């Protein structure tokens, strides 16, 4: 009997659709967008993505809300 293949992290929700390369790229982008990014105002890790292109620094001293790149902030 054949063994069941592992699903690819968050892209497992798509099952066998769309191809492995597309799902792997999606996993890379989603992993980057969910971690805290470097805030361009205070320079510390703390910016979180609220929605497409909308970011907010979660540090109490900064607490800036700004628009920038869609999925993750470029260094």
PDB file of N, CA and C in Angstrom:
ATOM      1  N   UNK A   1       0.835  -1.180   0.000  1.00  0.00           N
ATOM      2  CA  UNK A   1       0.000   0.000   0.000  1.00  0.00           C
ATOM      3  C   UNK A   1       0.882   1.246   0.000  1.00  0.00           C
ATOM      4  N   UNK A   2       0.551   2.217  -0.808  1.00  0.00           N
ATOM      5  CA  UNK A   2       1.341   3.438  -0.920  1.00  0.00           C
ATOM      6  C   UNK A   2       1.158   4.301   0.326  1.00  0.00           C
ATOM      7  N   UNK A   3       2.252   4.965   0.718  1.00  0.00           N
ATOM      8  CA  UNK A   3       2.161   5.834   1.885  1.00  0.00           C
ATOM      9  C   UNK A   3       1.566   7.188   1.488  1.00  0.00           C
ATOM     10  N   UNK A   4       0.899   7.811   2.428  1.00  0.00           N
ATOM     11  CA  UNK A   4       0.261   9.099   2.172  1.00  0.00           C
ATOM     12  C   UNK A   4       1.322  10.198   2.221  1.00  0.00           C
ATOM     13  N   UNK A   5       1.316  11.097   1.239  1.00  0.00           N
ATOM     14  CA  UNK A   5       2.286  12.179   1.196  1.00  0.00           C
ATOM     15  C   UNK A   5       1.922  13.255   2.213  1.00  0.00           C
ATOM     16  N   UNK A   6       2.953  13.921   2.733  1.00  0.00           N
ATOM     17  CA  UNK A   6       2.723  15.020   3.665  1.00  0.00           C
ATOM     18  C   UNK A   6       2.228  16.244   2.909  1.00  0.00           C
ATOM     19  N   UNK A   7       1.362  17.006   3.535  1.00  0.00           N
ATOM     20  CA  UNK A   7       0.908  18.255   2.926  1.00  0.00           C
ATOM     21  C   UNK A   7       1.961  19.325   3.184  1.00  0.00           C
ATOM     22  N   UNK A   8       2.035  20.297   2.311  1.00  0.00           N
ATOM     23  CA  UNK A   8       3.065  21.317   2.392  1.00  0.00           C
ATOM     24  C   UNK A   8       2.593  22.492   3.235  1.00  0.00           C
ATOM     25  N   UNK A   9       2.870  22.461   4.511  1.00  0.00           N
ATOM     26  CA  UNK A   9       2.579  23.546   5.460  1.00  0.00           C
ATOM     27  C   UNK A   9       1.216  24.194   5.214  1.00  0.00           C
ATOM     28  N   UNK A  10       1.182  25.521   5.079  1.00  0.00           N
ATOM     29  CA  UNK A  10      -0.090  26.238   4.922  1.00  0.00           C
ATOM     30  C   UNK A  10      -0.711  25.995   3.557  1.00  0.00           C
ATOM     31  N   UNK A  11       0.089  25.595   2.570  1.00  0.00           N
ATOM     32  CA  UNK A  11      -0.452  25.354   1.227  1.00  0.00           C
ATOM     33  C   UNK A  11      -1.148  24.006   1.139  1.00  0.00           C
ATOM     34  N   UNK A  12      -1.144  23.244   2.199  1.00  0.00           N
ATOM     35  CA  UNK A  12      -1.838  21.964   2.221  1.00  0.00           C
ATOM     36  C   UNK A  12      -3.331  22.125   2.053  1.00  0.00           C
ATOM     37  N   UNK A  13      -3.830  23.322   2.304  1.00  0.00           N
ATOM     38  CA  UNK A  13      -5.268  23.565   2.155  1.00  0.00           C
ATOM     39  C   UNK A  13      -5.714  23.477   0.699  1.00  0.00           C
ATOM     40  N   UNK A  14      -4.759  23.526  -0.251  1.00  0.00           N
ATOM     41  CA  UNK A  14      -5.101  23.435  -1.662  1.00  0.00           C
ATOM     42  C   UNK A  14      -5.074  22.003  -2.185  1.00  0.00           C
ATOM     43  N   UNK A  15      -4.621  21.066  -1.373  1.00  0.00           N
ATOM     44  CA  UNK A  15      -4.576  19.669  -1.794  1.00  0.00           C
ATOM     45  C   UNK A  15      -3.622  19.471  -2.957  1.00  0.00           C
ATOM     46  N   UNK A  16      -4.065  18.765  -3.994  1.00  0.00           N
ATOM     47  CA  UNK A  16      -3.215  18.460  -5.143  1.00  0.00           C
ATOM     48  C   UNK A  16      -3.341  19.502  -6.250  1.00  0.00           C
ATOM     49  N   UNK A  17      -4.053  20.565  -6.010  1.00  0.00           N
ATOM     50  CA  UNK A  17      -4.286  21.566  -7.057  1.00  0.00           C
ATOM     51  C   UNK A  17      -3.124  22.545  -7.197  1.00  0.00           C
ATOM     52  N   UNK A  18      -2.989  23.159  -8.339  1.00  0.00           N
ATOM     53  CA  UNK A  18      -2.113  24.286  -8.675  1.00  0.00           C
ATOM     54  C   UNK A  18      -0.642  23.944  -8.858  1.00  0.00           C
ATOM     55  N   UNK A  19      -0.175  22.772  -8.525  1.00  0.00           N
ATOM     56  CA  UNK A  19       1.223  22.397  -8.739  1.00  0.00           C
ATOM     57  C   UNK A  19       2.105  22.681  -7.539  1.00  0.00           C
ATOM     58  N   UNK A  20       3.152  21.888  -7.401  1.00  0.00           N
ATOM     59  CA  UNK A  20       4.027  21.965  -6.239  1.00  0.00           C
ATOM     60  C   UNK A  20       4.810  23.278  -6.183  1.00  0.00           C
ATOM     61  N   UNK A  21       5.301  23.748  -7.338  1.00  0.00           N
ATOM     62  CA  UNK A  21       6.115  24.959  -7.336  1.00  0.00           C
ATOM     63  C   UNK A  21       5.317  26.170  -6.875  1.00  0.00           C
ATOM     64  N   UNK A  22       4.108  26.297  -7.341  1.00  0.00           N
ATOM     65  CA  UNK A  22       3.249  27.425  -6.961  1.00  0.00           C
ATOM     66  C   UNK A  22       2.951  27.372  -5.466  1.00  0.00           C
ATOM     67  N   UNK A  23       2.636  26.169  -4.961  1.00  0.00           N
ATOM     68  CA  UNK A  23       2.331  26.038  -3.531  1.00  0.00           C
ATOM     69  C   UNK A  23       3.557  26.322  -2.676  1.00  0.00           C
ATOM     70  N   UNK A  24       4.753  25.921  -3.125  1.00  0.00           N
ATOM     71  CA  UNK A  24       5.976  26.202  -2.372  1.00  0.00           C
ATOM     72  C   UNK A  24       6.262  27.704  -2.317  1.00  0.00           C
ATOM     73  N   UNK A  25       6.033  28.407  -3.427  1.00  0.00           N
ATOM     74  CA  UNK A  25       6.222  29.863  -3.433  1.00  0.00           C
ATOM     75  C   UNK A  25       5.244  30.537  -2.482  1.00  0.00           C
ATOM     76  N   UNK A  26       4.016  30.057  -2.471  1.00  0.00           N
ATOM     77  CA  UNK A  26       2.993  30.601  -1.580  1.00  0.00           C
ATOM     78  C   UNK A  26       3.404  30.428  -0.117  1.00  0.00           C
ATOM     79  N   UNK A  27       3.928  29.264   0.229  1.00  0.00           N
ATOM     80  CA  UNK A  27       4.372  29.010   1.599  1.00  0.00           C
ATOM     81  C   UNK A  27       5.475  29.985   1.989  1.00  0.00           C
ATOM     82  N   UNK A  28       6.410  30.243   1.074  1.00  0.00           N
ATOM     83  CA  UNK A  28       7.494  31.187   1.343  1.00  0.00           C
ATOM     84  C   UNK A  28       6.987  32.583   1.628  1.00  0.00           C
ATOM     85  N   UNK A  29       6.058  33.054   0.819  1.00  0.00           N
ATOM     86  CA  UNK A  29       5.503  34.411   0.984  1.00  0.00           C
ATOM     87  C   UNK A  29       4.704  34.499   2.280  1.00  0.00           C
ATOM     88  N   UNK A  30       3.865  33.494   2.541  1.00  0.00           N
ATOM     89  CA  UNK A  30       3.034  33.544   3.748  1.00  0.00           C
ATOM     90  C   UNK A  30       3.857  33.438   5.021  1.00  0.00           C
ATOM     91  N   UNK A  31       4.935  32.670   5.006  1.00  0.00           N
ATOM     92  CA  UNK A  31       5.806  32.593   6.177  1.00  0.00           C
ATOM     93  C   UNK A  31       6.463  33.938   6.450  1.00  0.00           C
ATOM     94  N   UNK A  32       6.895  34.629   5.393  1.00  0.00           N
ATOM     95  CA  UNK A  32       7.536  35.938   5.558  1.00  0.00           C
ATOM     96  C   UNK A  32       6.555  36.983   6.074  1.00  0.00           C
ATOM     97  N   UNK A  33       5.319  36.961   5.580  1.00  0.00           N
ATOM     98  CA  UNK A  33       4.379  38.025   5.935  1.00  0.00           C
ATOM     99  C   UNK A  33       3.849  37.880   7.351  1.00  0.00           C
ATOM    100  N   UNK A  34       3.930  36.698   7.940  1.00  0.00           N
ATOM    101  CA  UNK A  34       3.352  36.500   9.269  1.00  0.00           C
ATOM    102  C   UNK A  34       4.311  36.812  10.416  1.00  0.00           C
ATOM    103  N   UNK A  35       5.599  36.964  10.143  1.00  0.00           N
ATOM    104  CA  UNK A  35       6.554  37.293  11.204  1.00  0.00           C
ATOM    105  C   UNK A  35       6.653  38.809  11.338  1.00  0.00           C
ATOM    106  N   UNK A  36       7.135  39.264  12.478  1.00  0.00           N
ATOM    107  CA  UNK A  36       7.299  40.700  12.690  1.00  0.00           C
ATOM    108  C   UNK A  36       8.452  41.206  11.828  1.00  0.00           C
ATOM    109  N   UNK A  37       8.228  42.348  11.199  1.00  0.00           N
ATOM    110  CA  UNK A  37       9.202  42.940  10.286  1.00  0.00           C
ATOM    111  C   UNK A  37       9.890  44.128  10.963  1.00  0.00           C
ATOM    112  N   UNK A  38      10.958  44.616  10.353  1.00  0.00           N
ATOM    113  CA  UNK A  38      11.682  45.766  10.871  1.00  0.00           C
ATOM    114  C   UNK A  38      10.928  47.055  10.527  1.00  0.00           C
ATOM    115  N   UNK A  39      10.589  47.816  11.550  1.00  0.00           N
ATOM    116  CA  UNK A  39       9.844  49.064  11.367  1.00  0.00           C
ATOM    117  C   UNK A  39      10.758  50.123  10.737  1.00  0.00           C
ATOM    118  N   UNK A  40      10.310  50.812   9.671  1.00  0.00           N
ATOM    119  CA  UNK A  40      11.146  51.841   9.049  1.00  0.00           C
ATOM    120  C   UNK A  40      11.285  53.112   9.894  1.00  0.00           C
ATOM    121  N   UNK A  41      10.426  53.301  10.881  1.00  0.00           N
ATOM    122  CA  UNK A  41      10.476  54.501  11.717  1.00  0.00           C
ATOM    123  C   UNK A  41      11.411  54.336  12.910  1.00  0.00           C
ATOM    124  N   UNK A  42      11.238  53.246  13.671  1.00  0.00           N
ATOM    125  CA  UNK A  42      12.071  53.060  14.861  1.00  0.00           C
ATOM    126  C   UNK A  42      13.243  52.113  14.616  1.00  0.00           C
ATOM    127  N   UNK A  43      13.206  51.338  13.527  1.00  0.00           N
ATOM    128  CA  UNK A  43      14.317  50.451  13.189  1.00  0.00           C
ATOM    129  C   UNK A  43      14.350  49.142  13.958  1.00  0.00           C
ATOM    130  N   UNK A  44      13.314  48.853  14.738  1.00  0.00           N
ATOM    131  CA  UNK A  44      13.270  47.622  15.541  1.00  0.00           C
ATOM    132  C   UNK A  44      12.250  46.650  14.949  1.00  0.00           C
ATOM    133  N   UNK A  45      12.359  45.387  15.342  1.00  0.00           N
ATOM    134  CA  UNK A  45      11.376  44.396  14.911  1.00  0.00           C
ATOM    135  C   UNK A  45      10.071  44.666  15.646  1.00  0.00           C
ATOM    136  N   UNK A  46       9.011  44.829  14.916  1.00  0.00           N
ATOM    137  CA  UNK A  46       7.746  45.102  15.579  1.00  0.00           C
ATOM    138  C   UNK A  46       6.608  45.388  14.620  1.00  0.00           C
ATOM    139  N   UNK A  47       6.901  45.601  13.334  1.00  0.00           N
ATOM    140  CA  UNK A  47       5.849  45.917  12.374  1.00  0.00           C
ATOM    141  C   UNK A  47       5.106  44.645  11.986  1.00  0.00           C
ATOM    142  N   UNK A  48       3.779  44.676  12.118  1.00  0.00           N
ATOM    143  CA  UNK A  48       2.939  43.549  11.729  1.00  0.00           C
ATOM    144  C   UNK A  48       2.023  43.973  10.605  1.00  0.00           C
ATOM    145  N   UNK A  49       1.692  43.033   9.737  1.00  0.00           N
ATOM    146  CA  UNK A  49       0.815  43.302   8.603  1.00  0.00           C
ATOM    147  C   UNK A  49      -0.633  43.259   9.064  1.00  0.00           C
ATOM    148  N   UNK A  50      -1.373  44.330   8.829  1.00  0.00           N
ATOM    149  CA  UNK A  50      -2.789  44.382   9.183  1.00  0.00           C
ATOM    150  C   UNK A  50      -3.650  43.913   8.017  1.00  0.00           C
ATOM    151  N   UNK A  51      -3.347  44.395   6.818  1.00  0.00           N
ATOM    152  CA  UNK A  51      -4.024  43.980   5.598  1.00  0.00           C
ATOM    153  C   UNK A  51      -3.085  44.289   4.442  1.00  0.00           C
ATOM    154  N   UNK A  52      -3.577  44.174   3.219  1.00  0.00           N
ATOM    155  CA  UNK A  52      -2.713  44.400   2.055  1.00  0.00           C
ATOM    156  C   UNK A  52      -2.087  45.783   2.104  1.00  0.00           C
ATOM    157  N   UNK A  53      -0.786  45.857   2.286  1.00  0.00           N
ATOM    158  CA  UNK A  53      -0.067  47.120   2.246  1.00  0.00           C
ATOM    159  C   UNK A  53      -0.208  47.986   3.479  1.00  0.00           C
ATOM    160  N   UNK A  54      -0.935  47.563   4.486  1.00  0.00           N
ATOM    161  CA  UNK A  54      -1.114  48.338   5.717  1.00  0.00           C
ATOM    162  C   UNK A  54      -0.345  47.648   6.837  1.00  0.00           C
ATOM    163  N   UNK A  55       0.543  48.380   7.470  1.00  0.00           N
ATOM    164  CA  UNK A  55       1.400  47.848   8.523  1.00  0.00           C
ATOM    165  C   UNK A  55       1.272  48.697   9.771  1.00  0.00           C
ATOM    166  N   UNK A  56       1.541  48.089  10.936  1.00  0.00           N
ATOM    167  CA  UNK A  56       1.545  48.842  12.184  1.00  0.00           C
ATOM    168  C   UNK A  56       2.654  48.313  13.071  1.00  0.00           C
ATOM    169  N   UNK A  57       3.424  49.240  13.646  1.00  0.00           N
ATOM    170  CA  UNK A  57       4.479  48.866  14.590  1.00  0.00           C
ATOM    171  C   UNK A  57       3.809  48.597  15.934  1.00  0.00           C
ATOM    172  N   UNK A  58       4.091  47.438  16.506  1.00  0.00           N
ATOM    173  CA  UNK A  58       3.417  47.046  17.744  1.00  0.00           C
ATOM    174  C   UNK A  58       4.160  47.492  19.001  1.00  0.00           C
ATOM    175  N   UNK A  59       5.284  48.193  18.832  1.00  0.00           N
ATOM    176  CA  UNK A  59       6.013  48.686  19.996  1.00  0.00           C
ATOM    177  C   UNK A  59       5.290  49.891  20.580  1.00  0.00           C
ATOM    178  N   UNK A  60       5.242  49.990  21.904  1.00  0.00           N
ATOM    179  CA  UNK A  60       4.487  51.059  22.568  1.00  0.00           C
ATOM    180  C   UNK A  60       5.028  52.448  22.248  1.00  0.00           C
ATOM    181  N   UNK A  61       6.352  52.580  22.158  1.00  0.00           N
ATOM    182  CA  UNK A  61       6.935  53.895  21.907  1.00  0.00           C
ATOM    183  C   UNK A  61       6.674  54.393  20.488  1.00  0.00           C
ATOM    184  N   UNK A  62       6.660  53.486  19.531  1.00  0.00           N
ATOM    185  CA  UNK A  62       6.491  53.871  18.125  1.00  0.00           C
ATOM    186  C   UNK A  62       5.007  53.905  17.738  1.00  0.00           C
ATOM    187  N   UNK A  63       4.366  52.748  17.717  1.00  0.00           N
ATOM    188  CA  UNK A  63       2.941  52.580  17.421  1.00  0.00           C
ATOM    189  C   UNK A  63       2.478  53.294  16.147  1.00  0.00           C
ATOM    190  N   UNK A  64       3.352  53.378  15.126  1.00  0.00           N
ATOM    191  CA  UNK A  64       3.005  54.030  13.859  1.00  0.00           C
ATOM    192  C   UNK A  64       2.226  53.077  12.971  1.00  0.00           C
ATOM    193  N   UNK A  65       1.289  53.601  12.231  1.00  0.00           N
ATOM    194  CA  UNK A  65       0.561  52.847  11.211  1.00  0.00           C
ATOM    195  C   UNK A  65       0.951  53.462   9.875  1.00  0.00           C
ATOM    196  N   UNK A  66       1.363  52.624   8.927  1.00  0.00           N
ATOM    197  CA  UNK A  66       1.862  53.139   7.664  1.00  0.00           C
ATOM    198  C   UNK A  66       1.539  52.191   6.516  1.00  0.00           C
ATOM    199  N   UNK A  67       1.619  52.723   5.304  1.00  0.00           N
ATOM    200  CA  UNK A  67       1.413  51.935   4.093  1.00  0.00           C
ATOM    201  C   UNK A  67       2.779  51.653   3.473  1.00  0.00           C
ATOM    202  N   UNK A  68       2.944  50.429   2.989  1.00  0.00           N
ATOM    203  CA  UNK A  68       4.216  50.055   2.376  1.00  0.00           C
ATOM    204  C   UNK A  68       3.979  48.858   1.463  1.00  0.00           C
ATOM    205  N   UNK A  69       4.969  47.995   1.332  1.00  0.00           N
ATOM    206  CA  UNK A  69       4.874  46.831   0.456  1.00  0.00           C
ATOM    207  C   UNK A  69       3.707  45.933   0.858  1.00  0.00           C
ATOM    208  N   UNK A  70       3.228  45.149  -0.092  1.00  0.00           N
ATOM    209  CA  UNK A  70       2.017  44.379   0.121  1.00  0.00           C
ATOM    210  C   UNK A  70       2.207  43.213   1.076  1.00  0.00           C
ATOM    211  N   UNK A  71       3.185  42.339   0.832  1.00  0.00           N
ATOM    212  CA  UNK A  71       3.293  41.106   1.592  1.00  0.00           C
ATOM    213  C   UNK A  71       4.334  41.137   2.701  1.00  0.00           C
ATOM    214  N   UNK A  72       5.490  41.732   2.446  1.00  0.00           N
ATOM    215  CA  UNK A  72       6.513  41.856   3.484  1.00  0.00           C
ATOM    216  C   UNK A  72       7.378  43.075   3.185  1.00  0.00           C
ATOM    217  N   UNK A  73       7.985  43.627   4.224  1.00  0.00           N
ATOM    218  CA  UNK A  73       8.770  44.836   4.086  1.00  0.00           C
ATOM    219  C   UNK A  73      10.179  44.485   3.593  1.00  0.00           C
ATOM    220  N   UNK A  74      10.634  45.183   2.600  1.00  0.00           N
ATOM    221  CA  UNK A  74      11.984  44.962   2.081  1.00  0.00           C
ATOM    222  C   UNK A  74      12.999  45.540   3.063  1.00  0.00           C
ATOM    223  N   UNK A  75      14.123  44.850   3.256  1.00  0.00           N
ATOM    224  CA  UNK A  75      15.148  45.368   4.190  1.00  0.00           C
ATOM    225  C   UNK A  75      15.847  46.599   3.675  1.00  0.00           C
TER     226      UNK A  75
END
